[in-house]
């Protein structure tokens, strides 16, 4: 903390000095000095941005990759289509940051869309950025599945967990879990697994269920399901330790009215609004194409203020 204060004092002094020197250079029409001062200012701005980044993403888990689970809530087929739209949004976001994604578990919708999907986003600080997305997301639009062209409200829940590596020890008693195998579901008959390679693990003390069906081998599916289980147990323990601060996101709420963190309105007007930071963006297409950085930045600053 002392080092950070010293850094901010230095930034303040350097900015004041640059301001004075710039005024002098402008008064003397010294173009060469102005160009050099601009370079110094740009360098200082980069240093300050790095320092802000370290403060906003200072939690020990922020640097980790992320496990993302999206589940359809109230809204039927429309909600399942909403899950698929959100899945595409996060794939686009990850692609823009050169992060790798991998589907772990997937249950298609009855008529369209996706009922639920779990996937990983592998990249530096993926969890730190995406923890802002944890919660209920609401969509309002004219449903393409409604012949009467009525406006529908749909909900989906998004769970963001840090991917736990070997540097954190999570002990799981074999007597506390049940491991089941089943045939994986897939798009198209010829693609569906013919053997029971998919794995579902139930943790009795917490009733947490983790499953994986994306890998071809039962061993790899079990390994990934255990990783997801450990991540959820780790997040649950952190939530217990920080309950009084209300900064962690493991509380389970009904996926319906009144609990949304963000609303995406396509009709009668176009607007995306975050209900925690009150940030509003009118370019819905831009957001749905993965540009959620303004929401992430606003949330990180908002949560930092709530820590004080």
C-alpha atoms as a PDB file:
ATOM      1  CA  UNK A   1       0.000   0.000   0.000  1.00  0.00           C
ATOM      2  CA  UNK A   2       2.878   2.389   0.872  1.00  0.00           C
ATOM      3  CA  UNK A   3       4.533   1.731  -2.489  1.00  0.00           C
ATOM      4  CA  UNK A   4       1.259   2.452  -4.284  1.00  0.00           C
ATOM      5  CA  UNK A   5       0.880   5.782  -2.468  1.00  0.00           C
ATOM      6  CA  UNK A   6       4.422   6.720  -3.441  1.00  0.00           C
ATOM      7  CA  UNK A   7       3.704   5.820  -7.060  1.00  0.00           C
ATOM      8  CA  UNK A   8       0.548   7.969  -7.146  1.00  0.00           C
ATOM      9  CA  UNK A   9       2.419  10.910  -5.610  1.00  0.00           C
ATOM     10  CA  UNK A  10       5.069  10.535  -8.316  1.00  0.00           C
ATOM     11  CA  UNK A  11       2.418  10.399 -11.051  1.00  0.00           C
ATOM     12  CA  UNK A  12       0.824  13.585  -9.662  1.00  0.00           C
ATOM     13  CA  UNK A  13       4.147  15.429  -9.595  1.00  0.00           C
ATOM     14  CA  UNK A  14       5.099  14.287 -13.092  1.00  0.00           C
ATOM     15  CA  UNK A  15       1.716  15.355 -14.501  1.00  0.00           C
ATOM     16  CA  UNK A  16       2.052  18.797 -12.918  1.00  0.00           C
ATOM     17  CA  UNK A  17       5.564  19.121 -14.318  1.00  0.00           C
ATOM     18  CA  UNK A  18       4.445  18.049 -17.801  1.00  0.00           C
ATOM     19  CA  UNK A  19       1.605  20.583 -17.672  1.00  0.00           C
ATOM     20  CA  UNK A  20       3.983  23.437 -16.811  1.00  0.00           C
ATOM     21  CA  UNK A  21       6.548  22.433 -19.456  1.00  0.00           C
ATOM     22  CA  UNK A  22       3.821  22.089 -22.112  1.00  0.00           C
ATOM     23  CA  UNK A  23       2.535  25.622 -21.418  1.00  0.00           C
ATOM     24  CA  UNK A  24       6.066  26.996 -21.701  1.00  0.00           C
ATOM     25  CA  UNK A  25       6.692  25.106 -24.953  1.00  0.00           C
ATOM     26  CA  UNK A  26       3.395  26.395 -26.411  1.00  0.00           C
ATOM     27  CA  UNK A  27       4.242  29.979 -25.454  1.00  0.00           C
ATOM     28  CA  UNK A  28       7.617  29.653 -27.223  1.00  0.00           C
ATOM     29  CA  UNK A  29       6.144  27.706 -30.189  1.00  0.00           C
ATOM     30  CA  UNK A  30       8.696  24.956 -29.536  1.00  0.00           C
ATOM     31  CA  UNK A  31       7.222  22.138 -31.651  1.00  0.00           C
ATOM     32  CA  UNK A  32      10.106  19.728 -30.961  1.00  0.00           C
ATOM     33  CA  UNK A  33       9.621  20.035 -27.197  1.00  0.00           C
ATOM     34  CA  UNK A  34       5.837  19.637 -27.539  1.00  0.00           C
ATOM     35  CA  UNK A  35       6.316  16.372 -29.472  1.00  0.00           C
ATOM     36  CA  UNK A  36       8.694  15.028 -26.805  1.00  0.00           C
ATOM     37  CA  UNK A  37       6.326  16.091 -24.006  1.00  0.00           C
ATOM     38  CA  UNK A  38       3.458  14.242 -25.724  1.00  0.00           C
ATOM     39  CA  UNK A  39       5.606  11.103 -25.790  1.00  0.00           C
ATOM     40  CA  UNK A  40       6.347  11.515 -22.072  1.00  0.00           C
ATOM     41  CA  UNK A  41       2.633  11.999 -21.347  1.00  0.00           C
ATOM     42  CA  UNK A  42       1.710   8.885 -23.326  1.00  0.00           C
ATOM     43  CA  UNK A  43       4.317   6.871 -21.411  1.00  0.00           C
ATOM     44  CA  UNK A  44       3.016   8.179 -18.081  1.00  0.00           C
ATOM     45  CA  UNK A  45      -0.586   7.378 -19.051  1.00  0.00           C
ATOM     46  CA  UNK A  46       0.451   3.783 -19.785  1.00  0.00           C
ATOM     47  CA  UNK A  47       2.113   3.532 -16.355  1.00  0.00           C
ATOM     48  CA  UNK A  48      -1.006   4.879 -14.639  1.00  0.00           C
ATOM     49  CA  UNK A  49      -3.256   2.478 -16.598  1.00  0.00           C
ATOM     50  CA  UNK A  50      -1.049  -0.436 -15.519  1.00  0.00           C
ATOM     51  CA  UNK A  51      -1.249   0.681 -11.890  1.00  0.00           C
ATOM     52  CA  UNK A  52      -5.053   0.968 -12.098  1.00  0.00           C
ATOM     53  CA  UNK A  53      -5.199  -2.502 -13.637  1.00  0.00           C
ATOM     54  CA  UNK A  54      -3.166  -3.964 -10.764  1.00  0.00           C
ATOM     55  CA  UNK A  55      -5.463  -2.328  -8.207  1.00  0.00           C
ATOM     56  CA  UNK A  56      -8.731  -3.322  -9.897  1.00  0.00           C
ATOM     57  CA  UNK A  57      -7.572  -6.890 -10.522  1.00  0.00           C
ATOM     58  CA  UNK A  58      -5.621  -7.409  -7.339  1.00  0.00           C
ATOM     59  CA  UNK A  59      -7.416 -10.510  -6.037  1.00  0.00           C
ATOM     60  CA  UNK A  60      -5.215 -13.605  -6.113  1.00  0.00           C
ATOM     61  CA  UNK A  61      -7.738 -15.434  -8.316  1.00  0.00           C
ATOM     62  CA  UNK A  62      -8.150 -12.645 -10.880  1.00  0.00           C
ATOM     63  CA  UNK A  63      -5.178 -13.827 -12.947  1.00  0.00           C
ATOM     64  CA  UNK A  64      -6.739 -17.272 -13.484  1.00  0.00           C
ATOM     65  CA  UNK A  65      -8.637 -18.691 -16.440  1.00  0.00           C
ATOM     66  CA  UNK A  66     -12.408 -18.896 -16.088  1.00  0.00           C
ATOM     67  CA  UNK A  67     -15.105 -21.571 -16.058  1.00  0.00           C
ATOM     68  CA  UNK A  68     -18.369 -20.167 -17.413  1.00  0.00           C
ATOM     69  CA  UNK A  69     -21.792 -21.809 -17.030  1.00  0.00           C
ATOM     70  CA  UNK A  70     -24.915 -20.353 -18.679  1.00  0.00           C
ATOM     71  CA  UNK A  71     -28.383 -21.704 -17.786  1.00  0.00           C
ATOM     72  CA  UNK A  72     -31.779 -20.857 -19.260  1.00  0.00           C
ATOM     73  CA  UNK A  73     -34.305 -19.450 -16.820  1.00  0.00           C
ATOM     74  CA  UNK A  74     -37.854 -18.204 -17.194  1.00  0.00           C
ATOM     75  CA  UNK A  75     -38.916 -17.836 -20.818  1.00  0.00           C
ATOM     76  CA  UNK A  76     -39.017 -21.323 -22.410  1.00  0.00           C
ATOM     77  CA  UNK A  77     -37.640 -21.574 -25.954  1.00  0.00           C
ATOM     78  CA  UNK A  78     -36.963 -17.839 -25.968  1.00  0.00           C
ATOM     79  CA  UNK A  79     -34.743 -18.196 -22.872  1.00  0.00           C
ATOM     80  CA  UNK A  80     -32.882 -21.097 -24.470  1.00  0.00           C
ATOM     81  CA  UNK A  81     -32.216 -18.965 -27.536  1.00  0.00           C
ATOM     82  CA  UNK A  82     -30.996 -16.240 -25.152  1.00  0.00           C
ATOM     83  CA  UNK A  83     -28.449 -18.684 -23.686  1.00  0.00           C
ATOM     84  CA  UNK A  84     -27.088 -19.353 -27.167  1.00  0.00           C
ATOM     85  CA  UNK A  85     -26.864 -15.609 -27.868  1.00  0.00           C
ATOM     86  CA  UNK A  86     -24.927 -15.036 -24.628  1.00  0.00           C
ATOM     87  CA  UNK A  87     -22.644 -17.979 -25.395  1.00  0.00           C
ATOM     88  CA  UNK A  88     -21.824 -16.391 -28.758  1.00  0.00           C
ATOM     89  CA  UNK A  89     -21.216 -13.039 -27.022  1.00  0.00           C
ATOM     90  CA  UNK A  90     -18.562 -14.512 -24.718  1.00  0.00           C
ATOM     91  CA  UNK A  91     -16.936 -16.463 -27.540  1.00  0.00           C
ATOM     92  CA  UNK A  92     -16.599 -13.165 -29.435  1.00  0.00           C
ATOM     93  CA  UNK A  93     -15.185 -11.430 -26.346  1.00  0.00           C
ATOM     94  CA  UNK A  94     -12.630 -14.198 -25.777  1.00  0.00           C
ATOM     95  CA  UNK A  95     -11.635 -14.160 -29.453  1.00  0.00           C
ATOM     96  CA  UNK A  96     -11.027 -10.393 -29.315  1.00  0.00           C
ATOM     97  CA  UNK A  97      -8.530 -10.998 -26.486  1.00  0.00           C
ATOM     98  CA  UNK A  98      -6.892 -14.033 -28.139  1.00  0.00           C
ATOM     99  CA  UNK A  99      -8.182 -16.330 -25.392  1.00  0.00           C
ATOM    100  CA  UNK A 100      -9.002 -19.973 -26.035  1.00  0.00           C
ATOM    101  CA  UNK A 101     -12.453 -21.442 -25.353  1.00  0.00           C
ATOM    102  CA  UNK A 102     -13.502 -25.048 -24.877  1.00  0.00           C
ATOM    103  CA  UNK A 103     -16.962 -26.532 -24.336  1.00  0.00           C
ATOM    104  CA  UNK A 104     -17.153 -28.834 -21.303  1.00  0.00           C
ATOM    105  CA  UNK A 105     -20.856 -29.658 -21.149  1.00  0.00           C
ATOM    106  CA  UNK A 106     -23.783 -28.789 -23.392  1.00  0.00           C
ATOM    107  CA  UNK A 107     -27.532 -29.500 -23.378  1.00  0.00           C
ATOM    108  CA  UNK A 108     -29.384 -28.284 -26.490  1.00  0.00           C
ATOM    109  CA  UNK A 109     -32.822 -26.687 -26.284  1.00  0.00           C
ATOM    110  CA  UNK A 110     -36.022 -28.563 -27.079  1.00  0.00           C
ATOM    111  CA  UNK A 111     -36.819 -26.510 -30.178  1.00  0.00           C
ATOM    112  CA  UNK A 112     -33.940 -24.050 -30.489  1.00  0.00           C
ATOM    113  CA  UNK A 113     -31.058 -22.599 -28.563  1.00  0.00           C
ATOM    114  CA  UNK A 114     -29.311 -24.143 -25.546  1.00  0.00           C
ATOM    115  CA  UNK A 115     -30.735 -25.160 -22.166  1.00  0.00           C
ATOM    116  CA  UNK A 116     -27.367 -24.962 -20.438  1.00  0.00           C
ATOM    117  CA  UNK A 117     -23.726 -24.884 -21.396  1.00  0.00           C
ATOM    118  CA  UNK A 118     -20.430 -24.954 -19.507  1.00  0.00           C
ATOM    119  CA  UNK A 119     -17.176 -23.880 -21.131  1.00  0.00           C
ATOM    120  CA  UNK A 120     -13.714 -22.651 -20.210  1.00  0.00           C
ATOM    121  CA  UNK A 121     -12.027 -19.414 -21.261  1.00  0.00           C
ATOM    122  CA  UNK A 122      -8.278 -19.865 -21.048  1.00  0.00           C
ATOM    123  CA  UNK A 123      -6.197 -16.712 -20.837  1.00  0.00           C
ATOM    124  CA  UNK A 124      -4.504 -14.334 -18.387  1.00  0.00           C
ATOM    125  CA  UNK A 125      -6.994 -12.571 -16.083  1.00  0.00           C
ATOM    126  CA  UNK A 126     -10.014 -14.196 -17.763  1.00  0.00           C
ATOM    127  CA  UNK A 127     -11.677 -14.696 -14.374  1.00  0.00           C
ATOM    128  CA  UNK A 128     -10.745 -11.217 -13.159  1.00  0.00           C
ATOM    129  CA  UNK A 129     -12.493  -9.632 -16.112  1.00  0.00           C
ATOM    130  CA  UNK A 130     -15.466 -11.958 -16.372  1.00  0.00           C
ATOM    131  CA  UNK A 131     -16.424 -12.031 -12.679  1.00  0.00           C
ATOM    132  CA  UNK A 132     -18.411  -8.907 -13.580  1.00  0.00           C
ATOM    133  CA  UNK A 133     -20.739 -11.136 -15.643  1.00  0.00           C
ATOM    134  CA  UNK A 134     -21.852 -13.406 -12.789  1.00  0.00           C
ATOM    135  CA  UNK A 135     -25.605 -13.099 -12.212  1.00  0.00           C
ATOM    136  CA  UNK A 136     -28.960 -12.942 -13.991  1.00  0.00           C
ATOM    137  CA  UNK A 137     -29.122 -11.444 -17.494  1.00  0.00           C
ATOM    138  CA  UNK A 138     -32.518 -10.334 -18.861  1.00  0.00           C
ATOM    139  CA  UNK A 139     -33.520  -9.907 -22.513  1.00  0.00           C
ATOM    140  CA  UNK A 140     -36.605  -8.087 -23.852  1.00  0.00           C
ATOM    141  CA  UNK A 141     -37.478  -8.430 -27.543  1.00  0.00           C
ATOM    142  CA  UNK A 142     -40.136  -9.393 -30.095  1.00  0.00           C
ATOM    143  CA  UNK A 143     -39.810 -13.163 -30.072  1.00  0.00           C
ATOM    144  CA  UNK A 144     -39.101 -14.847 -33.435  1.00  0.00           C
ATOM    145  CA  UNK A 145     -40.763 -17.961 -31.955  1.00  0.00           C
ATOM    146  CA  UNK A 146     -44.089 -16.194 -31.349  1.00  0.00           C
ATOM    147  CA  UNK A 147     -46.425 -16.201 -34.376  1.00  0.00           C
ATOM    148  CA  UNK A 148     -48.298 -13.241 -32.852  1.00  0.00           C
ATOM    149  CA  UNK A 149     -45.058 -11.214 -32.725  1.00  0.00           C
ATOM    150  CA  UNK A 150     -45.489 -10.347 -29.053  1.00  0.00           C
ATOM    151  CA  UNK A 151     -42.768  -8.934 -26.851  1.00  0.00           C
ATOM    152  CA  UNK A 152     -41.165 -11.502 -24.518  1.00  0.00           C
ATOM    153  CA  UNK A 153     -38.929 -11.206 -21.465  1.00  0.00           C
ATOM    154  CA  UNK A 154     -36.352 -13.969 -21.003  1.00  0.00           C
ATOM    155  CA  UNK A 155     -33.747 -14.747 -18.374  1.00  0.00           C
ATOM    156  CA  UNK A 156     -30.457 -16.621 -18.181  1.00  0.00           C
ATOM    157  CA  UNK A 157     -28.067 -17.098 -15.277  1.00  0.00           C
ATOM    158  CA  UNK A 158     -24.321 -16.873 -15.728  1.00  0.00           C
ATOM    159  CA  UNK A 159     -21.902 -18.406 -13.235  1.00  0.00           C
ATOM    160  CA  UNK A 160     -18.227 -17.441 -13.390  1.00  0.00           C
ATOM    161  CA  UNK A 161     -15.635 -19.502 -11.488  1.00  0.00           C
ATOM    162  CA  UNK A 162     -11.842 -19.272 -11.358  1.00  0.00           C
ATOM    163  CA  UNK A 163     -10.207 -22.350 -12.863  1.00  0.00           C
ATOM    164  CA  UNK A 164      -8.298 -23.996 -10.030  1.00  0.00           C
ATOM    165  CA  UNK A 165      -4.839 -25.324 -10.824  1.00  0.00           C
ATOM    166  CA  UNK A 166      -2.451 -27.422  -8.729  1.00  0.00           C
ATOM    167  CA  UNK A 167      -1.327 -24.424  -6.671  1.00  0.00           C
ATOM    168  CA  UNK A 168      -4.521 -24.692  -4.583  1.00  0.00           C
ATOM    169  CA  UNK A 169      -5.263 -27.860  -2.629  1.00  0.00           C
ATOM    170  CA  UNK A 170      -8.909 -28.920  -2.458  1.00  0.00           C
ATOM    171  CA  UNK A 171      -9.450 -32.200  -0.622  1.00  0.00           C
ATOM    172  CA  UNK A 172     -12.429 -34.298  -1.703  1.00  0.00           C
ATOM    173  CA  UNK A 173     -13.292 -37.446   0.231  1.00  0.00           C
ATOM    174  CA  UNK A 174     -14.157 -40.353  -2.072  1.00  0.00           C
ATOM    175  CA  UNK A 175     -17.023 -41.250   0.266  1.00  0.00           C
ATOM    176  CA  UNK A 176     -18.538 -37.794  -0.281  1.00  0.00           C
ATOM    177  CA  UNK A 177     -18.982 -38.134  -4.032  1.00  0.00           C
ATOM    178  CA  UNK A 178     -20.876 -40.296  -6.496  1.00  0.00           C
ATOM    179  CA  UNK A 179     -19.409 -40.762  -9.966  1.00  0.00           C
ATOM    180  CA  UNK A 180     -21.831 -41.718 -12.750  1.00  0.00           C
ATOM    181  CA  UNK A 181     -21.206 -42.346 -16.432  1.00  0.00           C
ATOM    182  CA  UNK A 182     -23.675 -41.831 -19.257  1.00  0.00           C
ATOM    183  CA  UNK A 183     -23.796 -41.444 -23.013  1.00  0.00           C
ATOM    184  CA  UNK A 184     -23.011 -37.949 -24.176  1.00  0.00           C
ATOM    185  CA  UNK A 185     -25.625 -36.002 -26.086  1.00  0.00           C
ATOM    186  CA  UNK A 186     -24.474 -34.430 -29.316  1.00  0.00           C
ATOM    187  CA  UNK A 187     -25.685 -32.700 -32.506  1.00  0.00           C
ATOM    188  CA  UNK A 188     -26.725 -35.415 -34.936  1.00  0.00           C
ATOM    189  CA  UNK A 189     -27.084 -39.162 -34.472  1.00  0.00           C
ATOM    190  CA  UNK A 190     -23.703 -40.106 -35.880  1.00  0.00           C
ATOM    191  CA  UNK A 191     -21.947 -37.699 -33.525  1.00  0.00           C
ATOM    192  CA  UNK A 192     -23.553 -38.988 -30.333  1.00  0.00           C
ATOM    193  CA  UNK A 193     -21.206 -41.045 -28.192  1.00  0.00           C
ATOM    194  CA  UNK A 194     -21.925 -44.775 -28.486  1.00  0.00           C
ATOM    195  CA  UNK A 195     -20.196 -45.512 -25.178  1.00  0.00           C
ATOM    196  CA  UNK A 196     -20.863 -44.166 -21.690  1.00  0.00           C
ATOM    197  CA  UNK A 197     -17.906 -41.779 -21.675  1.00  0.00           C
ATOM    198  CA  UNK A 198     -19.649 -38.725 -20.187  1.00  0.00           C
ATOM    199  CA  UNK A 199     -19.147 -38.288 -16.437  1.00  0.00           C
ATOM    200  CA  UNK A 200     -21.332 -36.742 -13.749  1.00  0.00           C
ATOM    201  CA  UNK A 201     -20.006 -36.210 -10.203  1.00  0.00           C
ATOM    202  CA  UNK A 202     -22.321 -35.429  -7.274  1.00  0.00           C
ATOM    203  CA  UNK A 203     -20.853 -33.993  -4.065  1.00  0.00           C
ATOM    204  CA  UNK A 204     -23.171 -35.065  -1.228  1.00  0.00           C
ATOM    205  CA  UNK A 205     -22.232 -32.499   1.473  1.00  0.00           C
ATOM    206  CA  UNK A 206     -23.005 -29.526  -0.802  1.00  0.00           C
ATOM    207  CA  UNK A 207     -25.314 -31.128  -3.434  1.00  0.00           C
ATOM    208  CA  UNK A 208     -23.043 -29.665  -6.119  1.00  0.00           C
ATOM    209  CA  UNK A 209     -23.177 -31.549  -9.426  1.00  0.00           C
ATOM    210  CA  UNK A 210     -20.410 -31.251 -12.028  1.00  0.00           C
ATOM    211  CA  UNK A 211     -20.317 -33.053 -15.338  1.00  0.00           C
ATOM    212  CA  UNK A 212     -18.336 -33.193 -18.553  1.00  0.00           C
ATOM    213  CA  UNK A 213     -19.131 -34.871 -21.864  1.00  0.00           C
ATOM    214  CA  UNK A 214     -16.939 -33.006 -24.332  1.00  0.00           C
ATOM    215  CA  UNK A 215     -13.870 -35.248 -24.179  1.00  0.00           C
ATOM    216  CA  UNK A 216     -13.776 -38.570 -26.033  1.00  0.00           C
ATOM    217  CA  UNK A 217     -12.368 -40.550 -23.124  1.00  0.00           C
ATOM    218  CA  UNK A 218     -14.129 -41.224 -19.844  1.00  0.00           C
ATOM    219  CA  UNK A 219     -10.881 -40.518 -17.988  1.00  0.00           C
ATOM    220  CA  UNK A 220     -10.552 -37.005 -19.447  1.00  0.00           C
ATOM    221  CA  UNK A 221     -14.220 -36.259 -18.790  1.00  0.00           C
ATOM    222  CA  UNK A 222     -13.823 -37.328 -15.157  1.00  0.00           C
ATOM    223  CA  UNK A 223     -10.701 -35.198 -14.827  1.00  0.00           C
ATOM    224  CA  UNK A 224     -12.523 -32.096 -16.122  1.00  0.00           C
ATOM    225  CA  UNK A 225     -15.634 -32.778 -14.010  1.00  0.00           C
ATOM    226  CA  UNK A 226     -13.413 -32.986 -10.912  1.00  0.00           C
ATOM    227  CA  UNK A 227     -11.758 -29.704 -11.881  1.00  0.00           C
ATOM    228  CA  UNK A 228     -15.168 -28.012 -12.120  1.00  0.00           C
ATOM    229  CA  UNK A 229     -16.243 -29.520  -8.790  1.00  0.00           C
ATOM    230  CA  UNK A 230     -13.067 -28.264  -7.111  1.00  0.00           C
ATOM    231  CA  UNK A 231     -13.592 -24.795  -8.589  1.00  0.00           C
ATOM    232  CA  UNK A 232     -17.148 -24.668  -7.234  1.00  0.00           C
ATOM    233  CA  UNK A 233     -16.089 -25.898  -3.791  1.00  0.00           C
ATOM    234  CA  UNK A 234     -13.294 -23.342  -3.744  1.00  0.00           C
ATOM    235  CA  UNK A 235     -15.679 -20.531  -4.723  1.00  0.00           C
ATOM    236  CA  UNK A 236     -18.164 -21.698  -2.093  1.00  0.00           C
ATOM    237  CA  UNK A 237     -15.509 -21.561   0.619  1.00  0.00           C
ATOM    238  CA  UNK A 238     -14.420 -18.087  -0.485  1.00  0.00           C
ATOM    239  CA  UNK A 239     -18.038 -16.930  -0.412  1.00  0.00           C
ATOM    240  CA  UNK A 240     -18.341 -18.119   3.185  1.00  0.00           C
ATOM    241  CA  UNK A 241     -15.195 -16.228   4.159  1.00  0.00           C
ATOM    242  CA  UNK A 242     -16.393 -13.027   2.491  1.00  0.00           C
ATOM    243  CA  UNK A 243     -20.139 -13.224   3.144  1.00  0.00           C
ATOM    244  CA  UNK A 244     -20.219 -10.013   5.182  1.00  0.00           C
ATOM    245  CA  UNK A 245     -18.692  -8.039   2.290  1.00  0.00           C
ATOM    246  CA  UNK A 246     -21.102  -9.449  -0.315  1.00  0.00           C
ATOM    247  CA  UNK A 247     -18.315  -9.425  -2.895  1.00  0.00           C
ATOM    248  CA  UNK A 248     -18.429 -13.029  -4.031  1.00  0.00           C
ATOM    249  CA  UNK A 249     -21.078 -14.478  -6.233  1.00  0.00           C
ATOM    250  CA  UNK A 250     -22.122 -17.907  -5.114  1.00  0.00           C
ATOM    251  CA  UNK A 251     -25.591 -17.001  -3.824  1.00  0.00           C
ATOM    252  CA  UNK A 252     -28.224 -18.771  -5.881  1.00  0.00           C
ATOM    253  CA  UNK A 253     -31.210 -16.629  -6.885  1.00  0.00           C
ATOM    254  CA  UNK A 254     -34.308 -17.396  -8.886  1.00  0.00           C
ATOM    255  CA  UNK A 255     -33.587 -16.846 -12.569  1.00  0.00           C
ATOM    256  CA  UNK A 256     -36.472 -14.418 -13.052  1.00  0.00           C
ATOM    257  CA  UNK A 257     -37.800 -10.941 -12.318  1.00  0.00           C
ATOM    258  CA  UNK A 258     -36.092  -8.648  -9.857  1.00  0.00           C
ATOM    259  CA  UNK A 259     -32.713 -10.369  -9.680  1.00  0.00           C
ATOM    260  CA  UNK A 260     -31.085  -9.326 -12.957  1.00  0.00           C
ATOM    261  CA  UNK A 261     -27.712  -7.596 -12.980  1.00  0.00           C
ATOM    262  CA  UNK A 262     -28.083  -6.478 -16.590  1.00  0.00           C
ATOM    263  CA  UNK A 263     -30.934  -5.941 -19.046  1.00  0.00           C
ATOM    264  CA  UNK A 264     -30.678  -6.158 -22.843  1.00  0.00           C
ATOM    265  CA  UNK A 265     -33.649  -4.443 -24.498  1.00  0.00           C
ATOM    266  CA  UNK A 266     -34.208  -4.925 -28.241  1.00  0.00           C
ATOM    267  CA  UNK A 267     -37.797  -3.603 -28.268  1.00  0.00           C
ATOM    268  CA  UNK A 268     -39.539  -1.087 -27.876  1.00  0.00           C
ATOM    269  CA  UNK A 269     -36.170   0.713 -27.659  1.00  0.00           C
ATOM    270  CA  UNK A 270     -32.566  -0.508 -27.874  1.00  0.00           C
ATOM    271  CA  UNK A 271     -30.501  -0.358 -24.720  1.00  0.00           C
ATOM    272  CA  UNK A 272     -28.193  -2.468 -22.544  1.00  0.00           C
ATOM    273  CA  UNK A 273     -28.186  -1.384 -18.898  1.00  0.00           C
ATOM    274  CA  UNK A 274     -26.144  -2.675 -15.968  1.00  0.00           C
ATOM    275  CA  UNK A 275     -28.273  -2.361 -12.820  1.00  0.00           C
ATOM    276  CA  UNK A 276     -25.279  -2.268 -10.446  1.00  0.00           C
ATOM    277  CA  UNK A 277     -23.256   0.514 -12.055  1.00  0.00           C
ATOM    278  CA  UNK A 278     -26.183   2.134 -13.977  1.00  0.00           C
ATOM    279  CA  UNK A 279     -24.018   2.159 -17.112  1.00  0.00           C
ATOM    280  CA  UNK A 280     -26.182   2.302 -20.271  1.00  0.00           C
ATOM    281  CA  UNK A 281     -25.142   1.514 -23.851  1.00  0.00           C
ATOM    282  CA  UNK A 282     -27.463   2.115 -26.801  1.00  0.00           C
ATOM    283  CA  UNK A 283     -25.499   0.096 -29.379  1.00  0.00           C
ATOM    284  CA  UNK A 284     -26.951  -3.354 -28.632  1.00  0.00           C
ATOM    285  CA  UNK A 285     -25.301  -4.995 -31.662  1.00  0.00           C
ATOM    286  CA  UNK A 286     -21.890  -3.864 -30.476  1.00  0.00           C
ATOM    287  CA  UNK A 287     -22.488  -5.469 -27.085  1.00  0.00           C
ATOM    288  CA  UNK A 288     -23.886  -8.699 -28.550  1.00  0.00           C
ATOM    289  CA  UNK A 289     -20.779  -8.937 -30.744  1.00  0.00           C
ATOM    290  CA  UNK A 290     -18.647  -9.248 -27.623  1.00  0.00           C
ATOM    291  CA  UNK A 291     -17.749  -5.665 -26.754  1.00  0.00           C
ATOM    292  CA  UNK A 292     -18.521  -5.715 -23.021  1.00  0.00           C
ATOM    293  CA  UNK A 293     -15.291  -4.032 -21.917  1.00  0.00           C
ATOM    294  CA  UNK A 294     -17.092  -0.857 -20.810  1.00  0.00           C
ATOM    295  CA  UNK A 295     -19.308  -2.929 -18.488  1.00  0.00           C
ATOM    296  CA  UNK A 296     -16.295  -4.818 -17.132  1.00  0.00           C
ATOM    297  CA  UNK A 297     -14.358  -1.615 -16.465  1.00  0.00           C
ATOM    298  CA  UNK A 298     -17.355   0.091 -14.797  1.00  0.00           C
ATOM    299  CA  UNK A 299     -17.979  -2.964 -12.600  1.00  0.00           C
ATOM    300  CA  UNK A 300     -14.344  -3.255 -11.473  1.00  0.00           C
ATOM    301  CA  UNK A 301     -14.322   0.411 -10.448  1.00  0.00           C
ATOM    302  CA  UNK A 302     -17.736   0.048  -8.773  1.00  0.00           C
ATOM    303  CA  UNK A 303     -16.653  -2.996  -6.752  1.00  0.00           C
ATOM    304  CA  UNK A 304     -13.420  -1.250  -5.774  1.00  0.00           C
ATOM    305  CA  UNK A 305     -15.429   1.671  -4.359  1.00  0.00           C
ATOM    306  CA  UNK A 306     -17.642  -0.756  -2.397  1.00  0.00           C
ATOM    307  CA  UNK A 307     -14.562  -2.263  -0.765  1.00  0.00           C
ATOM    308  CA  UNK A 308     -13.691   1.047   0.866  1.00  0.00           C
END
